[in-house]
Amino acid sequence: MSEIRFEFYGRLASLADRPSIDLATTFPIRLQDALTHLAEQLPQIHDNLERCACAVGDQLVHRDLMIHEQMTIALLPPVTGG
């Protein structure tokens, strides 16, 4: 087993009560499936995951991304303001 690190920003960090989590998984795995496993481990963020953007480095990535190796994925909640 290997790990994917998910970094939480904004409201997600507050809801998760931590800045990140390492999710143990087997590769390859589709990002959407990894997010489903994440929601099972942290049910308090489940309702917010659908609206989050996912980024690897400085690139937004689609939830169909196949993950083949350890990586860090930033979860970016929508920003509101005026």
N, C-alpha and C. Protein backbone atom coordinates (compact mmCIF):
# COMPACT_ATOMS: atom_id res chain seq x y z
N MET A 1 0.83 -1.19 0.00
CA MET A 1 0.00 0.00 0.00
C MET A 1 0.87 1.25 0.00
N SER A 2 0.36 2.27 -0.65
CA SER A 2 1.02 3.57 -0.69
C SER A 2 0.03 4.61 -0.21
N GLU A 3 0.43 5.87 -0.28
CA GLU A 3 -0.42 6.92 0.25
C GLU A 3 -0.60 8.07 -0.72
N ILE A 4 -1.75 8.69 -0.60
CA ILE A 4 -2.03 9.97 -1.26
C ILE A 4 -2.22 10.97 -0.14
N ARG A 5 -1.54 12.08 -0.22
CA ARG A 5 -1.74 13.14 0.76
C ARG A 5 -2.77 14.12 0.22
N PHE A 6 -3.79 14.36 1.03
CA PHE A 6 -4.78 15.38 0.71
C PHE A 6 -4.54 16.56 1.63
N GLU A 7 -4.39 17.74 1.05
CA GLU A 7 -4.23 18.98 1.82
C GLU A 7 -5.56 19.72 1.80
N PHE A 8 -5.98 20.19 2.96
CA PHE A 8 -7.26 20.88 3.10
C PHE A 8 -7.03 22.39 3.22
N TYR A 9 -7.88 23.14 2.56
CA TYR A 9 -7.81 24.60 2.63
C TYR A 9 -9.18 25.15 2.99
N GLY A 10 -9.18 26.36 3.54
CA GLY A 10 -10.42 27.04 3.87
C GLY A 10 -11.30 26.24 4.82
N ARG A 11 -12.56 26.19 4.52
CA ARG A 11 -13.55 25.51 5.36
C ARG A 11 -13.22 24.04 5.58
N LEU A 12 -12.65 23.39 4.57
CA LEU A 12 -12.32 21.97 4.72
C LEU A 12 -11.33 21.73 5.85
N ALA A 13 -10.34 22.59 5.98
CA ALA A 13 -9.35 22.43 7.05
C ALA A 13 -10.03 22.55 8.41
N SER A 14 -10.99 23.45 8.52
CA SER A 14 -11.73 23.60 9.78
C SER A 14 -12.59 22.38 10.06
N LEU A 15 -13.29 21.91 9.05
CA LEU A 15 -14.16 20.75 9.23
C LEU A 15 -13.37 19.48 9.55
N ALA A 16 -12.23 19.32 8.88
CA ALA A 16 -11.40 18.12 9.10
C ALA A 16 -10.60 18.23 10.39
N ASP A 17 -10.48 19.45 10.91
CA ASP A 17 -9.71 19.72 12.12
C ASP A 17 -8.24 19.34 11.96
N ARG A 18 -7.73 19.54 10.75
CA ARG A 18 -6.32 19.26 10.43
C ARG A 18 -6.02 19.85 9.06
N PRO A 19 -4.75 20.11 8.78
CA PRO A 19 -4.41 20.69 7.48
C PRO A 19 -4.26 19.66 6.36
N SER A 20 -4.07 18.38 6.73
CA SER A 20 -3.88 17.35 5.70
C SER A 20 -4.11 15.97 6.30
N ILE A 21 -4.20 14.99 5.41
CA ILE A 21 -4.32 13.60 5.82
C ILE A 21 -3.66 12.72 4.76
N ASP A 22 -3.03 11.66 5.18
CA ASP A 22 -2.45 10.68 4.27
C ASP A 22 -3.42 9.51 4.18
N LEU A 23 -3.87 9.23 2.97
CA LEU A 23 -4.83 8.16 2.72
C LEU A 23 -4.10 6.95 2.16
N ALA A 24 -4.13 5.85 2.87
CA ALA A 24 -3.51 4.61 2.39
C ALA A 24 -4.37 4.02 1.29
N THR A 25 -3.73 3.63 0.19
CA THR A 25 -4.47 3.09 -0.95
C THR A 25 -3.55 2.21 -1.79
N THR A 26 -4.14 1.55 -2.75
CA THR A 26 -3.35 0.80 -3.74
C THR A 26 -3.46 1.54 -5.07
N PHE A 27 -2.42 1.50 -5.83
CA PHE A 27 -2.39 2.17 -7.14
C PHE A 27 -2.53 1.14 -8.24
N PRO A 28 -3.08 1.51 -9.38
CA PRO A 28 -3.66 2.82 -9.70
C PRO A 28 -5.04 2.97 -9.07
N ILE A 29 -5.42 4.23 -8.89
CA ILE A 29 -6.75 4.56 -8.37
C ILE A 29 -7.20 5.85 -9.03
N ARG A 30 -8.47 5.91 -9.35
CA ARG A 30 -9.05 7.12 -9.92
C ARG A 30 -9.24 8.12 -8.78
N LEU A 31 -8.98 9.38 -9.03
CA LEU A 31 -9.10 10.42 -8.01
C LEU A 31 -10.49 10.40 -7.38
N GLN A 32 -11.54 10.25 -8.15
CA GLN A 32 -12.90 10.24 -7.58
C GLN A 32 -13.04 9.10 -6.57
N ASP A 33 -12.46 7.95 -6.85
CA ASP A 33 -12.53 6.83 -5.91
C ASP A 33 -11.74 7.12 -4.63
N ALA A 34 -10.60 7.79 -4.78
CA ALA A 34 -9.81 8.18 -3.60
C ALA A 34 -10.60 9.18 -2.76
N LEU A 35 -11.32 10.09 -3.40
CA LEU A 35 -12.15 11.05 -2.67
C LEU A 35 -13.29 10.35 -1.93
N THR A 36 -13.83 9.30 -2.52
CA THR A 36 -14.87 8.52 -1.84
C THR A 36 -14.31 7.88 -0.58
N HIS A 37 -13.10 7.32 -0.68
CA HIS A 37 -12.46 6.72 0.50
C HIS A 37 -12.16 7.80 1.55
N LEU A 38 -11.75 8.96 1.10
CA LEU A 38 -11.48 10.06 2.02
C LEU A 38 -12.75 10.45 2.78
N ALA A 39 -13.87 10.53 2.08
CA ALA A 39 -15.14 10.89 2.72
C ALA A 39 -15.57 9.84 3.74
N GLU A 40 -15.20 8.59 3.49
CA GLU A 40 -15.52 7.54 4.46
C GLU A 40 -14.69 7.71 5.74
N GLN A 41 -13.45 8.17 5.59
CA GLN A 41 -12.60 8.38 6.76
C GLN A 41 -12.94 9.66 7.50
N LEU A 42 -13.37 10.67 6.78
CA LEU A 42 -13.71 11.97 7.38
C LEU A 42 -15.12 12.37 6.94
N PRO A 43 -16.14 11.73 7.49
CA PRO A 43 -17.51 12.01 7.03
C PRO A 43 -17.94 13.47 7.23
N GLN A 44 -17.29 14.18 8.12
CA GLN A 44 -17.66 15.58 8.35
C GLN A 44 -17.35 16.48 7.15
N ILE A 45 -16.53 16.03 6.21
CA ILE A 45 -16.23 16.85 5.02
C ILE A 45 -17.00 16.38 3.79
N HIS A 46 -17.73 15.28 3.92
CA HIS A 46 -18.40 14.65 2.77
C HIS A 46 -19.22 15.64 1.95
N ASP A 47 -20.09 16.40 2.60
CA ASP A 47 -20.99 17.31 1.88
C ASP A 47 -20.25 18.42 1.15
N ASN A 48 -19.02 18.71 1.54
CA ASN A 48 -18.26 19.79 0.93
C ASN A 48 -17.36 19.33 -0.20
N LEU A 49 -17.09 18.05 -0.31
CA LEU A 49 -16.16 17.56 -1.33
C LEU A 49 -16.64 17.76 -2.75
N GLU A 50 -17.95 17.67 -2.98
CA GLU A 50 -18.49 17.80 -4.34
C GLU A 50 -18.18 19.16 -4.97
N ARG A 51 -18.09 20.18 -4.15
CA ARG A 51 -17.89 21.54 -4.66
C ARG A 51 -16.43 21.96 -4.71
N CYS A 52 -15.54 21.10 -4.27
CA CYS A 52 -14.12 21.45 -4.22
C CYS A 52 -13.42 21.22 -5.55
N ALA A 53 -12.48 22.10 -5.84
CA ALA A 53 -11.56 21.87 -6.96
C ALA A 53 -10.40 21.05 -6.43
N CYS A 54 -9.80 20.26 -7.31
CA CYS A 54 -8.65 19.44 -6.95
C CYS A 54 -7.44 19.92 -7.74
N ALA A 55 -6.31 20.05 -7.07
CA ALA A 55 -5.11 20.53 -7.73
C ALA A 55 -3.91 19.67 -7.35
N VAL A 56 -3.04 19.49 -8.34
CA VAL A 56 -1.74 18.85 -8.13
C VAL A 56 -0.71 19.89 -8.54
N GLY A 57 0.10 20.31 -7.58
CA GLY A 57 1.01 21.42 -7.87
C GLY A 57 0.18 22.66 -8.16
N ASP A 58 0.44 23.30 -9.27
CA ASP A 58 -0.32 24.50 -9.63
C ASP A 58 -1.33 24.24 -10.74
N GLN A 59 -1.65 22.96 -10.96
CA GLN A 59 -2.59 22.58 -12.01
C GLN A 59 -3.87 21.99 -11.43
N LEU A 60 -5.01 22.51 -11.87
CA LEU A 60 -6.28 21.88 -11.51
C LEU A 60 -6.39 20.57 -12.27
N VAL A 61 -6.92 19.55 -11.60
CA VAL A 61 -7.04 18.24 -12.24
C VAL A 61 -8.49 17.77 -12.17
N HIS A 62 -8.85 16.93 -13.12
CA HIS A 62 -10.19 16.38 -13.20
C HIS A 62 -10.30 15.16 -12.29
N ARG A 63 -11.47 14.89 -11.81
CA ARG A 63 -11.67 13.77 -10.88
C ARG A 63 -11.53 12.41 -11.55
N ASP A 64 -11.43 12.37 -12.87
CA ASP A 64 -11.18 11.12 -13.58
C ASP A 64 -9.69 10.80 -13.67
N LEU A 65 -8.85 11.66 -13.12
CA LEU A 65 -7.40 11.46 -13.13
C LEU A 65 -7.06 10.10 -12.53
N MET A 66 -6.25 9.32 -13.24
CA MET A 66 -5.76 8.05 -12.70
C MET A 66 -4.45 8.34 -11.96
N ILE A 67 -4.39 7.94 -10.71
CA ILE A 67 -3.22 8.17 -9.88
C ILE A 67 -2.43 6.87 -9.85
N HIS A 68 -1.16 6.97 -10.23
CA HIS A 68 -0.30 5.79 -10.33
C HIS A 68 0.83 5.78 -9.31
N GLU A 69 0.98 6.88 -8.58
CA GLU A 69 2.08 6.98 -7.61
C GLU A 69 1.71 7.95 -6.51
N GLN A 70 2.51 7.96 -5.46
CA GLN A 70 2.25 8.89 -4.36
C GLN A 70 2.23 10.31 -4.88
N MET A 71 1.28 11.08 -4.39
CA MET A 71 1.22 12.49 -4.76
C MET A 71 0.43 13.25 -3.71
N THR A 72 0.53 14.56 -3.79
CA THR A 72 -0.24 15.44 -2.91
C THR A 72 -1.30 16.13 -3.73
N ILE A 73 -2.52 16.09 -3.23
CA ILE A 73 -3.65 16.71 -3.90
C ILE A 73 -4.25 17.75 -2.96
N ALA A 74 -4.31 18.97 -3.45
CA ALA A 74 -4.92 20.07 -2.68
C ALA A 74 -6.41 20.11 -2.99
N LEU A 75 -7.20 20.21 -1.93
CA LEU A 75 -8.65 20.34 -2.08
C LEU A 75 -9.03 21.78 -1.78
N LEU A 76 -9.54 22.46 -2.79
CA LEU A 76 -9.80 23.88 -2.72
C LEU A 76 -11.30 24.14 -2.73
N PRO A 77 -11.86 24.56 -1.60
CA PRO A 77 -13.29 24.85 -1.57
C PRO A 77 -13.59 26.11 -2.38
N PRO A 78 -14.84 26.27 -2.82
CA PRO A 78 -15.20 27.48 -3.56
C PRO A 78 -15.01 28.70 -2.68
N VAL A 79 -14.68 29.80 -3.31
CA VAL A 79 -14.46 31.06 -2.59
C VAL A 79 -15.67 31.95 -2.84
N THR A 80 -16.16 32.55 -1.77
CA THR A 80 -17.26 33.50 -1.90
C THR A 80 -16.80 34.85 -1.42
N GLY A 81 -17.40 35.84 -1.94
CA GLY A 81 -17.04 37.19 -1.50
C GLY A 81 -17.68 38.22 -2.41
N GLY A 82 -17.36 39.43 -2.14
CA GLY A 82 -17.99 40.49 -2.94
C GLY A 82 -17.01 41.44 -3.31
